[in-house]
């Protein structure tokens, strides 16, 4: 039985890290949806209305990002859109990694080092996932013609 404890802890940490990487792209839509949902709840919409408002706002935020990447012709503006979605994921990755590091590492310096490494990993993952969500460019671009 003593063997199963550390294995379950490792499996739990692995699961939460996987979940963090999977949900990194949705940090901004989640934040917007949560904020709108809480605002709607305090405005008197009730729990069902607040949930629907939050889901609609989060979905709209994600949809606007996808549409912006699909239809914006300028690379610099696409980069701005991507950075708007990656920045909250970076903060979430830093916070999650720092929380785990505080439980496992006594040194504040090493906690910060691991937190920055975790934030970097999450931001790169979010960048790659969000750019993979975008629709491909028009057919025939980038082909060599002879």
Protein backbone atom coordinates (compact mmCIF):
# COMPACT_ATOMS: atom_id res chain seq x y z
CA UNK A 1 0.00 0.00 0.00
CA UNK A 2 2.88 2.40 0.64
CA UNK A 3 3.91 2.13 -3.00
CA UNK A 4 0.54 3.37 -4.24
CA UNK A 5 0.69 6.70 -2.35
CA UNK A 6 3.62 8.26 -4.23
CA UNK A 7 2.38 6.83 -7.52
CA UNK A 8 -1.03 8.41 -7.01
CA UNK A 9 0.59 11.74 -6.10
CA UNK A 10 2.69 11.65 -9.28
CA UNK A 11 -0.37 10.68 -11.32
CA UNK A 12 -2.38 13.52 -9.75
CA UNK A 13 0.32 16.11 -10.46
CA UNK A 14 0.66 14.79 -14.00
CA UNK A 15 -3.11 15.03 -14.50
CA UNK A 16 -3.23 18.63 -13.28
CA UNK A 17 -0.27 19.60 -15.46
CA UNK A 18 -1.95 18.00 -18.47
CA UNK A 19 -5.19 19.82 -17.61
CA UNK A 20 -3.31 23.12 -17.29
CA UNK A 21 -1.73 22.70 -20.72
CA UNK A 22 -5.04 21.68 -22.30
CA UNK A 23 -6.92 24.63 -20.84
CA UNK A 24 -4.21 27.25 -21.41
CA UNK A 25 -5.77 28.41 -24.69
CA UNK A 26 -9.07 29.05 -22.95
CA UNK A 27 -7.69 31.29 -20.16
CA UNK A 28 -8.97 34.55 -21.69
CA UNK A 29 -12.41 33.24 -22.72
CA UNK A 30 -12.78 31.62 -19.28
CA UNK A 31 -11.84 34.86 -17.52
CA UNK A 32 -14.25 36.91 -19.66
CA UNK A 33 -17.04 34.38 -19.18
CA UNK A 34 -16.49 34.22 -15.43
CA UNK A 35 -16.41 38.00 -15.12
CA UNK A 36 -19.59 38.47 -17.15
CA UNK A 37 -21.29 35.63 -15.27
CA UNK A 38 -20.47 37.15 -11.88
CA UNK A 39 -21.58 40.58 -13.11
CA UNK A 40 -24.86 39.13 -14.36
CA UNK A 41 -25.40 37.32 -11.05
CA UNK A 42 -24.90 40.51 -9.07
CA UNK A 43 -27.12 42.43 -11.51
CA UNK A 44 -30.01 40.13 -10.63
CA UNK A 45 -30.02 37.65 -13.51
CA UNK A 46 -30.14 34.67 -11.17
CA UNK A 47 -27.94 31.58 -11.36
CA UNK A 48 -29.26 30.19 -14.68
CA UNK A 49 -29.08 33.60 -16.35
CA UNK A 50 -25.56 34.21 -15.04
CA UNK A 51 -24.39 30.82 -16.30
CA UNK A 52 -25.89 31.42 -19.73
CA UNK A 53 -24.42 34.93 -19.91
CA UNK A 54 -21.00 33.64 -18.88
CA UNK A 55 -21.08 30.80 -21.40
CA UNK A 56 -22.19 33.15 -24.16
CA UNK A 57 -19.48 35.71 -23.33
CA UNK A 58 -16.75 33.06 -23.14
CA UNK A 59 -17.85 31.47 -26.40
CA UNK A 60 -18.06 34.84 -28.10
CA UNK A 61 -14.57 35.75 -26.90
CA UNK A 62 -13.12 32.53 -28.27
CA UNK A 63 -15.07 32.89 -31.52
CA UNK A 64 -13.91 36.48 -32.00
CA UNK A 65 -10.32 35.35 -31.56
CA UNK A 66 -10.73 32.60 -34.14
CA UNK A 67 -12.39 34.96 -36.59
CA UNK A 68 -9.73 37.59 -36.05
CA UNK A 69 -6.99 35.10 -36.83
CA UNK A 70 -8.85 33.83 -39.86
CA UNK A 71 -9.65 37.18 -41.46
CA UNK A 72 -7.01 39.68 -40.34
CA UNK A 73 -4.57 40.15 -43.25
CA UNK A 74 -1.71 41.76 -41.30
CA UNK A 75 0.78 39.60 -39.50
CA UNK A 76 1.46 42.18 -36.80
CA UNK A 77 -2.25 42.40 -35.92
CA UNK A 78 -2.47 38.60 -35.78
CA UNK A 79 0.46 38.65 -33.36
CA UNK A 80 -1.38 41.18 -31.19
CA UNK A 81 -4.49 38.98 -31.14
CA UNK A 82 -2.41 35.93 -30.26
CA UNK A 83 -0.65 37.82 -27.48
CA UNK A 84 -4.02 38.91 -26.06
CA UNK A 85 -4.92 35.24 -25.70
CA UNK A 86 -1.49 33.99 -24.60
CA UNK A 87 -0.85 36.57 -21.86
CA UNK A 88 -3.59 35.31 -19.48
CA UNK A 89 -2.42 31.75 -20.11
CA UNK A 90 1.11 32.79 -19.11
CA UNK A 91 -0.16 34.32 -15.86
CA UNK A 92 -2.23 31.21 -15.15
CA UNK A 93 0.78 28.97 -15.84
CA UNK A 94 2.97 31.03 -13.54
CA UNK A 95 0.39 30.96 -10.75
CA UNK A 96 -0.24 27.23 -11.03
CA UNK A 97 3.45 26.36 -11.18
CA UNK A 98 4.25 28.69 -8.30
CA UNK A 99 1.53 27.07 -6.19
CA UNK A 100 2.94 23.62 -6.85
CA UNK A 101 6.51 24.83 -6.27
CA UNK A 102 5.59 26.36 -2.91
CA UNK A 103 4.37 22.99 -1.71
CA UNK A 104 7.42 21.09 -2.93
CA UNK A 105 10.43 23.44 -2.76
CA UNK A 106 11.50 25.36 0.35
CA UNK A 107 13.83 27.83 -1.41
CA UNK A 108 12.12 30.99 -2.70
CA UNK A 109 14.73 31.35 -5.46
CA UNK A 110 14.06 27.89 -6.84
CA UNK A 111 10.32 28.45 -6.54
CA UNK A 112 10.67 31.51 -8.75
CA UNK A 113 12.90 29.68 -11.25
CA UNK A 114 10.44 26.80 -11.60
CA UNK A 115 7.52 29.23 -11.79
CA UNK A 116 9.12 31.11 -14.68
CA UNK A 117 9.93 27.83 -16.44
CA UNK A 118 6.33 26.68 -15.98
CA UNK A 119 4.96 30.01 -17.23
CA UNK A 120 7.20 29.81 -20.28
CA UNK A 121 6.11 26.26 -21.05
CA UNK A 122 2.43 27.14 -20.71
CA UNK A 123 2.77 30.27 -22.83
CA UNK A 124 4.55 28.38 -25.62
CA UNK A 125 1.90 25.67 -25.48
CA UNK A 126 -0.91 28.23 -25.57
CA UNK A 127 0.77 30.03 -28.47
CA UNK A 128 1.11 26.83 -30.47
CA UNK A 129 -2.41 25.65 -29.67
CA UNK A 130 -4.05 28.97 -30.43
CA UNK A 131 -2.23 29.40 -33.71
CA UNK A 132 -3.21 25.83 -34.59
CA UNK A 133 -6.86 26.74 -33.99
CA UNK A 134 -6.74 29.43 -36.69
CA UNK A 135 -7.98 28.59 -40.13
CA UNK A 136 -5.29 28.07 -42.76
CA UNK A 137 -4.57 30.86 -45.24
CA UNK A 138 -5.88 30.93 -48.79
CA UNK A 139 -4.96 27.98 -50.96
CA UNK A 140 -1.91 28.39 -53.14
CA UNK A 141 0.00 30.78 -50.91
CA UNK A 142 3.63 29.95 -50.37
CA UNK A 143 3.85 27.57 -53.31
CA UNK A 144 6.75 27.91 -55.69
CA UNK A 145 5.63 28.57 -59.20
CA UNK A 146 7.84 27.74 -62.10
